[in-house]
N, C-alpha and C. Protein backbone atom coordinates (compact mmCIF):
# COMPACT_ATOMS: atom_id res chain seq x y z
N MET A 1 97.95 120.07 110.89
CA MET A 1 97.85 121.50 111.13
C MET A 1 98.80 121.89 112.26
N PRO A 2 99.59 122.95 112.09
CA PRO A 2 100.46 123.40 113.17
C PRO A 2 99.64 123.80 114.38
N PRO A 3 100.20 123.69 115.60
CA PRO A 3 99.45 124.04 116.81
C PRO A 3 98.97 125.49 116.76
N TYR A 4 97.74 125.70 117.23
CA TYR A 4 97.18 127.03 117.42
C TYR A 4 97.11 127.83 116.13
N GLN A 5 96.66 127.21 115.07
CA GLN A 5 96.44 127.90 113.80
C GLN A 5 95.02 127.57 113.36
N ALA A 6 94.15 128.58 113.39
CA ALA A 6 92.74 128.38 113.07
C ALA A 6 92.51 128.49 111.57
N GLN A 7 91.65 127.64 111.05
CA GLN A 7 91.30 127.71 109.63
C GLN A 7 90.28 128.82 109.37
N PHE A 8 89.43 129.11 110.37
CA PHE A 8 88.38 130.11 110.22
C PHE A 8 88.57 131.21 111.25
N ALA A 9 88.41 132.46 110.82
CA ALA A 9 88.58 133.60 111.72
C ALA A 9 87.24 134.06 112.28
N THR A 10 87.27 134.82 113.36
CA THR A 10 86.05 135.43 113.90
C THR A 10 85.39 136.28 112.81
N GLY A 11 84.08 136.11 112.65
CA GLY A 11 83.35 136.84 111.62
C GLY A 11 83.27 136.11 110.30
N CYS A 12 83.98 135.00 110.16
CA CYS A 12 83.97 134.22 108.92
C CYS A 12 82.67 133.43 108.80
N HIS A 13 82.13 133.35 107.59
CA HIS A 13 80.95 132.52 107.34
C HIS A 13 81.40 131.08 107.14
N VAL A 14 80.76 130.16 107.85
CA VAL A 14 81.10 128.75 107.77
C VAL A 14 79.82 127.93 107.62
N ARG A 15 80.01 126.68 107.25
CA ARG A 15 78.90 125.74 107.16
C ARG A 15 79.20 124.55 108.06
N VAL A 16 78.22 124.12 108.82
CA VAL A 16 78.36 122.87 109.59
C VAL A 16 78.43 121.73 108.59
N GLN A 17 79.32 120.78 108.85
CA GLN A 17 79.52 119.67 107.93
C GLN A 17 78.25 118.86 107.72
N THR A 18 78.30 117.96 106.75
CA THR A 18 77.14 117.12 106.42
C THR A 18 76.79 116.18 107.56
N ALA A 19 75.60 115.62 107.50
CA ALA A 19 75.16 114.68 108.53
C ALA A 19 76.09 113.47 108.60
N ALA A 20 76.61 113.02 107.45
CA ALA A 20 77.51 111.85 107.44
C ALA A 20 78.81 112.17 108.17
N VAL A 21 79.34 113.38 107.93
CA VAL A 21 80.59 113.77 108.60
C VAL A 21 80.36 113.90 110.10
N LEU A 22 79.26 114.55 110.49
CA LEU A 22 78.98 114.71 111.92
C LEU A 22 78.76 113.36 112.61
N ALA A 23 78.06 112.45 111.92
CA ALA A 23 77.83 111.12 112.51
C ALA A 23 79.16 110.40 112.71
N HIS A 24 80.04 110.53 111.73
CA HIS A 24 81.37 109.92 111.83
C HIS A 24 82.12 110.49 113.02
N PHE A 25 82.13 111.81 113.14
CA PHE A 25 82.86 112.47 114.23
C PHE A 25 82.24 112.09 115.58
N HIS A 26 80.93 112.05 115.63
CA HIS A 26 80.23 111.72 116.87
C HIS A 26 80.60 110.32 117.35
N LYS A 27 80.75 109.40 116.42
CA LYS A 27 81.08 108.02 116.79
C LYS A 27 82.54 107.86 117.16
N ARG A 28 83.45 108.53 116.42
CA ARG A 28 84.88 108.31 116.58
C ARG A 28 85.52 109.16 117.67
N TRP A 29 85.06 110.40 117.81
CA TRP A 29 85.76 111.34 118.69
C TRP A 29 85.38 111.10 120.13
N THR A 30 86.36 110.73 120.94
CA THR A 30 86.10 110.39 122.35
C THR A 30 86.83 111.33 123.30
N LEU A 31 87.44 112.38 122.77
CA LEU A 31 88.22 113.29 123.61
C LEU A 31 87.36 114.49 124.01
N HIS A 32 87.98 115.64 124.10
CA HIS A 32 87.30 116.84 124.57
C HIS A 32 86.26 117.35 123.57
N HIS A 33 85.24 118.05 124.07
CA HIS A 33 84.24 118.72 123.24
C HIS A 33 83.64 117.81 122.17
N ALA A 34 83.17 116.66 122.61
CA ALA A 34 82.49 115.75 121.69
C ALA A 34 81.16 116.36 121.26
N LEU A 35 80.66 115.95 120.11
CA LEU A 35 79.35 116.40 119.65
C LEU A 35 78.25 115.82 120.51
N THR A 36 77.24 116.61 120.80
CA THR A 36 76.05 116.09 121.47
C THR A 36 75.04 115.68 120.40
N VAL A 37 74.05 114.91 120.81
CA VAL A 37 73.01 114.48 119.87
C VAL A 37 72.28 115.69 119.31
N GLU A 38 72.07 116.71 120.15
CA GLU A 38 71.36 117.91 119.70
C GLU A 38 72.13 118.64 118.59
N MET A 39 73.47 118.63 118.68
CA MET A 39 74.28 119.34 117.69
C MET A 39 74.19 118.68 116.31
N LEU A 40 73.90 117.38 116.26
CA LEU A 40 73.82 116.68 114.98
C LEU A 40 72.72 117.25 114.10
N SER A 41 71.70 117.85 114.71
CA SER A 41 70.56 118.36 113.93
C SER A 41 70.91 119.61 113.13
N PHE A 42 72.09 120.20 113.38
CA PHE A 42 72.47 121.43 112.68
C PHE A 42 73.32 121.15 111.43
N ALA A 43 73.41 119.89 111.01
CA ALA A 43 74.20 119.54 109.83
C ALA A 43 73.78 120.37 108.62
N GLY A 44 74.78 120.94 107.92
CA GLY A 44 74.53 121.68 106.70
C GLY A 44 74.13 123.13 106.89
N GLN A 45 73.91 123.56 108.13
CA GLN A 45 73.49 124.95 108.35
C GLN A 45 74.68 125.89 108.31
N GLU A 46 74.43 127.13 107.90
CA GLU A 46 75.48 128.13 107.81
C GLU A 46 75.36 129.13 108.96
N ALA A 47 76.52 129.67 109.37
CA ALA A 47 76.54 130.61 110.48
C ALA A 47 77.82 131.43 110.40
N VAL A 48 77.93 132.40 111.30
CA VAL A 48 79.14 133.23 111.40
C VAL A 48 79.91 132.81 112.64
N VAL A 49 81.23 132.71 112.50
CA VAL A 49 82.07 132.36 113.65
C VAL A 49 82.01 133.49 114.67
N LYS A 50 81.64 133.12 115.90
CA LYS A 50 81.53 134.11 116.98
C LYS A 50 82.81 134.19 117.78
N THR A 51 83.37 133.03 118.16
CA THR A 51 84.63 133.01 118.91
C THR A 51 85.50 131.87 118.40
N VAL A 52 86.80 132.03 118.57
CA VAL A 52 87.78 131.00 118.24
C VAL A 52 88.63 130.76 119.48
N SER A 53 88.81 129.48 119.84
CA SER A 53 89.66 129.14 120.98
C SER A 53 90.43 127.87 120.66
N PHE A 54 91.34 127.50 121.56
CA PHE A 54 92.21 126.36 121.30
C PHE A 54 92.26 125.46 122.52
N PHE A 55 92.17 124.14 122.25
CA PHE A 55 92.38 123.17 123.32
C PHE A 55 93.86 122.82 123.36
N HIS A 56 94.31 122.28 124.49
CA HIS A 56 95.72 121.91 124.63
C HIS A 56 96.15 121.02 123.47
N GLY A 57 97.26 121.37 122.84
CA GLY A 57 97.77 120.58 121.73
C GLY A 57 97.42 121.16 120.38
N GLY A 58 96.52 122.17 120.36
CA GLY A 58 96.28 122.86 119.11
C GLY A 58 94.93 122.61 118.47
N ASP A 59 94.05 121.74 119.04
CA ASP A 59 92.73 121.56 118.45
C ASP A 59 91.97 122.88 118.50
N VAL A 60 91.38 123.26 117.37
CA VAL A 60 90.69 124.55 117.27
C VAL A 60 89.20 124.36 117.53
N LEU A 61 88.64 125.24 118.37
CA LEU A 61 87.25 125.15 118.77
C LEU A 61 86.55 126.47 118.45
N TYR A 62 85.26 126.38 118.08
CA TYR A 62 84.52 127.55 117.65
C TYR A 62 83.15 127.60 118.32
N THR A 63 82.66 128.81 118.54
CA THR A 63 81.24 129.01 118.79
C THR A 63 80.69 129.79 117.61
N LEU A 64 79.40 129.57 117.30
CA LEU A 64 78.78 130.12 116.09
C LEU A 64 77.56 130.95 116.47
N SER A 65 77.32 131.97 115.70
CA SER A 65 76.14 132.80 115.94
C SER A 65 74.88 132.03 115.54
N GLY A 66 73.93 131.95 116.46
CA GLY A 66 72.66 131.31 116.16
C GLY A 66 72.65 129.80 116.23
N ILE A 67 73.82 129.18 116.47
CA ILE A 67 73.90 127.72 116.58
C ILE A 67 74.59 127.38 117.89
N PRO A 68 73.93 126.65 118.78
CA PRO A 68 74.52 126.38 120.10
C PRO A 68 75.66 125.38 120.04
N GLY A 69 76.45 125.34 121.11
CA GLY A 69 77.50 124.35 121.26
C GLY A 69 78.88 124.88 120.91
N THR A 70 79.88 124.10 121.30
CA THR A 70 81.28 124.37 120.93
C THR A 70 81.67 123.36 119.87
N TRP A 71 82.16 123.86 118.74
CA TRP A 71 82.36 123.03 117.56
C TRP A 71 83.84 122.82 117.28
N HIS A 72 84.23 121.54 117.16
CA HIS A 72 85.58 121.21 116.73
C HIS A 72 85.72 121.58 115.26
N GLU A 73 86.93 122.01 114.86
CA GLU A 73 87.14 122.47 113.50
C GLU A 73 86.79 121.43 112.44
N ALA A 74 86.96 120.15 112.78
CA ALA A 74 86.64 119.08 111.83
C ALA A 74 85.17 119.04 111.46
N CYS A 75 84.32 119.70 112.26
CA CYS A 75 82.88 119.68 112.02
C CYS A 75 82.40 120.86 111.19
N LEU A 76 83.32 121.71 110.72
CA LEU A 76 82.96 122.91 109.97
C LEU A 76 83.68 122.93 108.63
N CYS A 77 83.13 123.67 107.68
CA CYS A 77 83.78 123.87 106.38
C CYS A 77 83.34 125.23 105.85
N LEU A 78 83.94 125.67 104.77
CA LEU A 78 83.52 126.90 104.13
C LEU A 78 82.20 126.66 103.39
N PRO A 79 81.34 127.69 103.28
CA PRO A 79 80.03 127.50 102.64
C PRO A 79 80.12 126.95 101.22
N GLU A 80 81.18 127.34 100.49
CA GLU A 80 81.29 126.87 99.10
C GLU A 80 81.80 125.45 98.99
N SER A 81 82.20 124.85 100.14
CA SER A 81 82.70 123.47 100.10
C SER A 81 81.55 122.53 99.80
N ILE A 82 81.71 121.74 98.77
CA ILE A 82 80.68 120.76 98.40
C ILE A 82 81.04 119.44 99.09
N ALA A 83 80.03 118.62 99.27
CA ALA A 83 80.24 117.37 99.98
C ALA A 83 80.92 116.33 99.10
N THR A 84 81.65 116.79 98.08
CA THR A 84 82.38 115.85 97.24
C THR A 84 83.57 115.30 98.02
N GLN A 85 83.86 114.06 97.81
CA GLN A 85 84.94 113.46 98.56
C GLN A 85 86.30 113.91 98.04
N THR A 86 87.21 114.09 98.96
CA THR A 86 88.60 114.35 98.60
C THR A 86 89.16 113.13 97.88
N LEU A 87 89.94 113.36 96.84
CA LEU A 87 90.50 112.27 96.04
C LEU A 87 91.99 112.14 96.31
N PHE A 88 92.42 110.91 96.62
CA PHE A 88 93.83 110.59 96.78
C PHE A 88 94.20 109.53 95.76
N GLU A 89 95.26 109.76 94.99
CA GLU A 89 95.69 108.81 93.97
C GLU A 89 96.98 108.11 94.40
N LEU A 90 96.89 106.80 94.54
CA LEU A 90 98.07 105.97 94.82
C LEU A 90 98.55 105.38 93.50
N ASP A 91 99.83 105.52 93.22
CA ASP A 91 100.39 105.10 91.93
C ASP A 91 101.14 103.78 92.09
N GLY A 92 100.59 102.72 91.48
CA GLY A 92 101.18 101.40 91.60
C GLY A 92 102.56 101.27 90.98
N THR A 93 102.96 102.21 90.14
CA THR A 93 104.30 102.15 89.55
C THR A 93 105.37 102.62 90.54
N ARG A 94 104.97 103.21 91.63
CA ARG A 94 105.92 103.80 92.57
C ARG A 94 106.38 102.84 93.67
N PHE A 95 105.78 101.63 93.74
CA PHE A 95 106.17 100.70 94.81
C PHE A 95 106.06 99.27 94.32
N SER A 96 106.86 98.41 94.91
CA SER A 96 106.84 96.99 94.54
C SER A 96 106.80 96.09 95.77
N THR A 97 106.76 96.68 96.95
CA THR A 97 106.69 95.91 98.20
C THR A 97 105.62 96.54 99.10
N LEU A 98 105.26 95.85 100.16
CA LEU A 98 104.29 96.38 101.10
C LEU A 98 104.86 97.62 101.80
N GLU A 99 106.16 97.59 102.11
CA GLU A 99 106.79 98.76 102.72
C GLU A 99 106.73 99.96 101.77
N GLY A 100 106.90 99.68 100.47
CA GLY A 100 106.80 100.75 99.48
C GLY A 100 105.40 101.31 99.40
N PHE A 101 104.39 100.45 99.57
CA PHE A 101 103.00 100.92 99.60
C PHE A 101 102.81 101.87 100.77
N TYR A 102 103.34 101.52 101.93
CA TYR A 102 103.22 102.41 103.10
C TYR A 102 103.88 103.76 102.82
N ASP A 103 105.01 103.75 102.13
CA ASP A 103 105.67 105.01 101.78
C ASP A 103 104.79 105.84 100.85
N GLU A 104 104.09 105.16 99.92
CA GLU A 104 103.20 105.87 99.01
C GLU A 104 102.01 106.47 99.77
N VAL A 105 101.50 105.73 100.75
CA VAL A 105 100.43 106.26 101.61
C VAL A 105 100.90 107.50 102.34
N SER A 106 102.13 107.45 102.86
CA SER A 106 102.69 108.62 103.54
C SER A 106 102.80 109.80 102.58
N ARG A 107 103.26 109.55 101.38
CA ARG A 107 103.47 110.63 100.40
C ARG A 107 102.15 111.27 99.99
N VAL A 108 101.11 110.44 99.80
CA VAL A 108 99.87 110.94 99.21
C VAL A 108 98.83 111.32 100.26
N LEU A 109 98.59 110.45 101.23
CA LEU A 109 97.48 110.68 102.16
C LEU A 109 97.87 111.54 103.35
N ILE A 110 99.04 111.27 103.95
CA ILE A 110 99.38 111.97 105.19
C ILE A 110 100.84 112.41 105.17
N PRO A 111 101.22 113.30 104.26
CA PRO A 111 102.62 113.75 104.19
C PRO A 111 103.06 114.38 105.50
N GLU A 112 104.31 114.07 105.87
CA GLU A 112 104.94 114.62 107.07
C GLU A 112 104.30 114.14 108.36
N SER A 113 103.45 113.12 108.30
CA SER A 113 102.86 112.55 109.51
C SER A 113 103.57 111.26 109.88
N ASP A 114 103.65 110.99 111.16
CA ASP A 114 104.31 109.78 111.65
C ASP A 114 103.24 108.73 111.95
N TRP A 115 103.43 107.53 111.45
CA TRP A 115 102.49 106.46 111.75
C TRP A 115 103.22 105.13 111.72
N GLY A 116 102.52 104.06 112.02
CA GLY A 116 103.16 102.78 112.26
C GLY A 116 103.69 102.05 111.05
N HIS A 117 103.30 102.45 109.82
CA HIS A 117 103.74 101.75 108.61
C HIS A 117 103.48 100.24 108.71
N ASN A 118 102.24 99.91 109.04
CA ASN A 118 101.82 98.52 109.09
C ASN A 118 100.33 98.45 108.77
N LEU A 119 99.79 97.25 108.70
CA LEU A 119 98.39 97.09 108.32
C LEU A 119 97.44 97.74 109.31
N ASP A 120 97.73 97.61 110.60
CA ASP A 120 96.86 98.23 111.61
C ASP A 120 96.89 99.75 111.49
N GLY A 121 98.08 100.31 111.24
CA GLY A 121 98.19 101.74 111.08
C GLY A 121 97.43 102.24 109.85
N PHE A 122 97.52 101.50 108.76
CA PHE A 122 96.78 101.86 107.55
C PHE A 122 95.27 101.83 107.81
N ASN A 123 94.84 100.85 108.55
CA ASN A 123 93.43 100.75 108.92
C ASN A 123 92.99 101.99 109.71
N ASP A 124 93.83 102.45 110.62
CA ASP A 124 93.50 103.63 111.43
C ASP A 124 93.41 104.88 110.55
N ILE A 125 94.31 105.01 109.58
CA ILE A 125 94.30 106.18 108.70
C ILE A 125 92.96 106.31 107.98
N LEU A 126 92.37 105.18 107.60
CA LEU A 126 91.12 105.20 106.84
C LEU A 126 89.93 105.65 107.69
N ARG A 127 90.11 105.74 108.99
CA ARG A 127 89.02 106.22 109.86
C ARG A 127 88.91 107.73 109.86
N GLY A 128 89.85 108.41 109.24
CA GLY A 128 89.78 109.86 109.15
C GLY A 128 90.35 110.53 110.39
N GLY A 129 90.75 111.79 110.21
CA GLY A 129 91.27 112.56 111.32
C GLY A 129 92.74 112.36 111.57
N PHE A 130 93.38 111.46 110.82
CA PHE A 130 94.82 111.20 110.96
C PHE A 130 95.53 111.95 109.83
N GLY A 131 95.19 113.23 109.68
CA GLY A 131 95.67 113.97 108.53
C GLY A 131 94.81 113.75 107.30
N THR A 132 93.78 112.90 107.45
CA THR A 132 92.84 112.63 106.37
C THR A 132 91.47 113.19 106.76
N PRO A 133 90.59 113.45 105.80
CA PRO A 133 89.31 114.11 106.11
C PRO A 133 88.38 113.21 106.91
N TYR A 134 87.67 113.81 107.87
CA TYR A 134 86.54 113.12 108.48
C TYR A 134 85.43 113.01 107.44
N GLY A 135 84.65 111.95 107.53
CA GLY A 135 83.49 111.83 106.66
C GLY A 135 83.76 111.21 105.31
N GLY A 136 84.96 110.66 105.12
CA GLY A 136 85.23 109.88 103.92
C GLY A 136 86.08 110.56 102.87
N PHE A 137 86.66 109.74 102.01
CA PHE A 137 87.45 110.22 100.88
C PHE A 137 87.56 109.07 99.87
N THR A 138 88.04 109.39 98.70
CA THR A 138 88.19 108.40 97.63
C THR A 138 89.66 108.05 97.44
N ILE A 139 89.95 106.76 97.38
CA ILE A 139 91.28 106.29 97.02
C ILE A 139 91.22 105.75 95.60
N ARG A 140 91.98 106.37 94.71
CA ARG A 140 92.08 105.89 93.33
C ARG A 140 93.44 105.21 93.18
N TRP A 141 93.40 103.90 92.98
CA TRP A 141 94.64 103.11 92.90
C TRP A 141 95.00 102.97 91.43
N LEU A 142 95.97 103.74 90.98
CA LEU A 142 96.41 103.71 89.59
C LEU A 142 97.34 102.52 89.35
N HIS A 143 97.27 101.93 88.16
CA HIS A 143 98.11 100.79 87.79
C HIS A 143 97.97 99.66 88.82
N HIS A 144 96.73 99.41 89.23
CA HIS A 144 96.50 98.40 90.26
C HIS A 144 96.84 96.99 89.77
N VAL A 145 96.73 96.76 88.46
CA VAL A 145 97.08 95.44 87.93
C VAL A 145 98.56 95.14 88.18
N LEU A 146 99.38 96.16 88.04
CA LEU A 146 100.80 95.99 88.36
C LEU A 146 100.98 95.68 89.84
N SER A 147 100.17 96.31 90.69
CA SER A 147 100.26 96.04 92.13
C SER A 147 99.81 94.62 92.46
N ILE A 148 98.83 94.10 91.72
CA ILE A 148 98.41 92.71 91.93
C ILE A 148 99.61 91.78 91.73
N GLU A 149 100.40 92.07 90.71
CA GLU A 149 101.59 91.25 90.43
C GLU A 149 102.68 91.47 91.49
N ARG A 150 102.99 92.72 91.75
CA ARG A 150 104.11 93.01 92.66
C ARG A 150 103.81 92.65 94.11
N LEU A 151 102.55 92.71 94.49
CA LEU A 151 102.16 92.36 95.86
C LEU A 151 101.52 90.98 95.88
N GLY A 152 101.97 90.13 94.98
CA GLY A 152 101.46 88.77 94.88
C GLY A 152 102.13 87.82 95.85
N TYR A 153 102.19 86.54 95.47
CA TYR A 153 102.65 85.52 96.42
C TYR A 153 104.11 85.66 96.86
N PRO A 154 105.05 85.98 95.97
CA PRO A 154 106.43 86.13 96.46
C PRO A 154 106.55 87.20 97.56
N GLU A 155 105.89 88.35 97.34
CA GLU A 155 105.92 89.41 98.37
C GLU A 155 105.15 88.97 99.61
N THR A 156 104.08 88.23 99.43
CA THR A 156 103.29 87.74 100.56
C THR A 156 104.12 86.78 101.41
N VAL A 157 104.86 85.88 100.75
CA VAL A 157 105.76 84.97 101.47
C VAL A 157 106.77 85.76 102.28
N ARG A 158 107.36 86.76 101.67
CA ARG A 158 108.37 87.57 102.37
C ARG A 158 107.76 88.26 103.59
N GLN A 159 106.57 88.80 103.43
CA GLN A 159 105.92 89.48 104.54
C GLN A 159 105.56 88.51 105.68
N LEU A 160 105.10 87.34 105.31
CA LEU A 160 104.75 86.35 106.34
C LEU A 160 105.99 85.82 107.06
N GLU A 161 107.09 85.71 106.35
CA GLU A 161 108.35 85.32 107.00
C GLU A 161 108.79 86.38 108.00
N LEU A 162 108.63 87.66 107.64
CA LEU A 162 108.94 88.74 108.57
C LEU A 162 108.00 88.71 109.77
N ARG A 163 106.73 88.44 109.51
CA ARG A 163 105.75 88.36 110.60
C ARG A 163 106.07 87.21 111.54
N LEU A 164 106.48 86.08 110.95
CA LEU A 164 106.82 84.91 111.76
C LEU A 164 107.99 85.19 112.70
N ALA A 165 108.94 85.98 112.22
CA ALA A 165 110.13 86.27 113.03
C ALA A 165 109.83 87.16 114.22
N HIS A 166 108.70 87.89 114.18
CA HIS A 166 108.44 88.86 115.24
C HIS A 166 107.12 88.65 115.97
N CYS A 167 106.34 87.66 115.55
CA CYS A 167 105.02 87.50 116.14
C CYS A 167 105.09 86.84 117.52
N HIS A 168 104.00 86.95 118.25
CA HIS A 168 103.86 86.29 119.56
C HIS A 168 103.84 84.78 119.35
N PRO A 169 104.44 84.02 120.26
CA PRO A 169 104.46 82.55 120.10
C PRO A 169 103.09 81.94 119.86
N ALA A 170 102.06 82.54 120.47
CA ALA A 170 100.72 81.99 120.31
C ALA A 170 100.20 82.16 118.88
N SER A 171 100.78 83.10 118.15
CA SER A 171 100.32 83.36 116.78
C SER A 171 101.10 82.56 115.74
N ARG A 172 102.17 81.91 116.14
CA ARG A 172 103.03 81.22 115.19
C ARG A 172 102.30 80.14 114.38
N PRO A 173 101.45 79.31 114.99
CA PRO A 173 100.79 78.27 114.18
C PRO A 173 99.96 78.84 113.03
N SER A 174 99.21 79.92 113.28
CA SER A 174 98.38 80.48 112.21
C SER A 174 99.24 81.16 111.14
N VAL A 175 100.33 81.80 111.56
CA VAL A 175 101.22 82.43 110.59
C VAL A 175 101.90 81.36 109.74
N LEU A 176 102.35 80.27 110.37
CA LEU A 176 102.96 79.18 109.63
C LEU A 176 101.99 78.58 108.62
N GLU A 177 100.74 78.47 109.01
CA GLU A 177 99.73 77.93 108.10
C GLU A 177 99.54 78.86 106.91
N ASP A 178 99.45 80.17 107.17
CA ASP A 178 99.31 81.14 106.07
C ASP A 178 100.54 81.12 105.18
N LEU A 179 101.71 80.98 105.78
CA LEU A 179 102.96 80.96 105.01
C LEU A 179 103.02 79.74 104.10
N ALA A 180 102.60 78.59 104.61
CA ALA A 180 102.60 77.37 103.80
C ALA A 180 101.68 77.52 102.60
N ARG A 181 100.51 78.13 102.81
CA ARG A 181 99.57 78.34 101.71
C ARG A 181 100.16 79.28 100.66
N ALA A 182 100.76 80.38 101.15
CA ALA A 182 101.33 81.35 100.22
C ALA A 182 102.45 80.72 99.39
N ARG A 183 103.26 79.86 100.00
CA ARG A 183 104.33 79.20 99.25
C ARG A 183 103.78 78.26 98.19
N ARG A 184 102.54 77.80 98.40
CA ARG A 184 101.89 76.96 97.39
C ARG A 184 101.13 77.80 96.37
N GLY A 185 101.16 79.12 96.55
CA GLY A 185 100.40 80.00 95.65
C GLY A 185 98.92 79.98 95.94
N GLU A 186 98.57 79.80 97.21
CA GLU A 186 97.17 79.73 97.61
C GLU A 186 96.89 80.78 98.69
N GLY A 187 95.61 81.09 98.87
CA GLY A 187 95.23 82.03 99.93
C GLY A 187 95.35 83.48 99.48
N THR A 188 95.17 84.38 100.42
CA THR A 188 95.19 85.80 100.11
C THR A 188 96.62 86.32 99.97
N THR A 189 96.77 87.36 99.18
CA THR A 189 98.07 87.98 98.97
C THR A 189 98.13 89.31 99.72
N ALA A 190 99.31 89.93 99.72
CA ALA A 190 99.46 91.25 100.34
C ALA A 190 98.53 92.26 99.68
N PHE A 191 98.35 92.15 98.37
CA PHE A 191 97.39 93.02 97.68
C PHE A 191 95.98 92.80 98.22
N ASP A 192 95.61 91.56 98.43
CA ASP A 192 94.28 91.25 98.98
C ASP A 192 94.12 91.82 100.38
N TRP A 193 95.17 91.76 101.19
CA TRP A 193 95.09 92.31 102.55
C TRP A 193 94.71 93.78 102.51
N LEU A 194 95.35 94.53 101.61
CA LEU A 194 95.10 95.96 101.52
C LEU A 194 93.69 96.24 101.02
N LEU A 195 93.25 95.49 100.00
CA LEU A 195 91.89 95.68 99.50
C LEU A 195 90.85 95.37 100.57
N GLU A 196 91.09 94.32 101.33
CA GLU A 196 90.15 93.96 102.39
C GLU A 196 90.03 95.08 103.42
N ILE A 197 91.16 95.69 103.78
CA ILE A 197 91.13 96.79 104.75
C ILE A 197 90.36 97.98 104.18
N ILE A 198 90.67 98.35 102.94
CA ILE A 198 89.99 99.51 102.34
C ILE A 198 88.49 99.27 102.25
N ARG A 199 88.10 98.09 101.78
CA ARG A 199 86.68 97.79 101.58
C ARG A 199 85.93 97.66 102.90
N ARG A 200 86.62 97.37 103.97
CA ARG A 200 86.00 97.33 105.30
C ARG A 200 85.42 98.69 105.65
N HIS A 201 86.04 99.77 105.11
CA HIS A 201 85.62 101.13 105.45
C HIS A 201 84.70 101.74 104.39
N GLY A 202 84.26 100.93 103.44
CA GLY A 202 83.37 101.40 102.39
C GLY A 202 81.99 100.78 102.49
N GLU A 203 81.19 101.04 101.49
CA GLU A 203 79.81 100.56 101.50
C GLU A 203 79.73 99.05 101.69
N GLY A 204 78.94 98.63 102.68
CA GLY A 204 78.78 97.22 102.98
C GLY A 204 79.80 96.65 103.93
N GLY A 205 80.83 97.44 104.31
CA GLY A 205 81.86 96.96 105.22
C GLY A 205 81.49 97.16 106.68
N ASP A 206 82.26 96.54 107.56
CA ASP A 206 82.00 96.63 108.99
C ASP A 206 82.14 98.06 109.51
N GLU A 207 82.96 98.87 108.83
CA GLU A 207 83.16 100.25 109.26
C GLU A 207 82.76 101.20 108.13
N ALA A 208 81.61 100.93 107.53
CA ALA A 208 81.14 101.71 106.39
C ALA A 208 80.90 103.17 106.73
N ILE A 209 80.76 103.49 108.01
CA ILE A 209 80.53 104.87 108.43
C ILE A 209 81.68 105.77 108.00
N ASP A 210 82.86 105.19 107.72
CA ASP A 210 84.01 106.00 107.31
C ASP A 210 83.90 106.48 105.87
N CYS A 211 82.97 105.90 105.08
CA CYS A 211 82.66 106.38 103.73
C CYS A 211 83.87 106.43 102.81
N ILE A 212 84.68 105.39 102.80
CA ILE A 212 85.83 105.32 101.90
C ILE A 212 85.38 104.70 100.57
N THR A 213 85.72 105.37 99.48
CA THR A 213 85.42 104.85 98.14
C THR A 213 86.74 104.41 97.49
N LEU A 214 86.74 103.23 96.89
CA LEU A 214 87.93 102.71 96.21
C LEU A 214 87.67 102.65 94.71
N GLU A 215 88.60 103.24 93.95
CA GLU A 215 88.56 103.13 92.50
C GLU A 215 89.84 102.44 92.05
N LEU A 216 89.70 101.32 91.34
CA LEU A 216 90.84 100.60 90.80
C LEU A 216 90.99 100.97 89.34
N ARG A 217 92.14 101.54 88.99
CA ARG A 217 92.38 102.00 87.62
C ARG A 217 93.58 101.27 87.01
């Protein structure tokens, strides 16, 4: 969102986001105007925007009629917004390398946003708020069988060789071990790395609060 551009105007009817979205924001947001425990109880309630203000850098803040607190824009939606997850489709025919996958993520999930184009950066994107919705979304991976092939052992070997050239000396033994396995056609592949990250943020994962759903097509 461009700096100082509000999604909701004074007098606009809005709905406080779902309990899952508020819980996600409450856990993740550590900057200004964090949600209080009391504010979580207003999930799903509708109100009229009373005031609109801006924090440094362009974050939009609201006060609501009949509902206490100062609300970050990520915690509000239009009344007709249903709690259906936003759908992002990644097309496996568009990339054949891990770098190409990152380009596809940029094109589909966070266009015109700058990020690290690495596994850690992709992990951060799935937490929401990085141009992606708070409270979860669905990733539909089209032609994933083709991606299994293209992001298989040859690409994994290439990626591990790149990692070996730039990693900290203390990490070299483990990278060399992974590289040896990949050259034998054993162990996890680059495709597996990506699936593991996505599933970490879905049901049963360590960061399931992010509510990421994966569909393999």
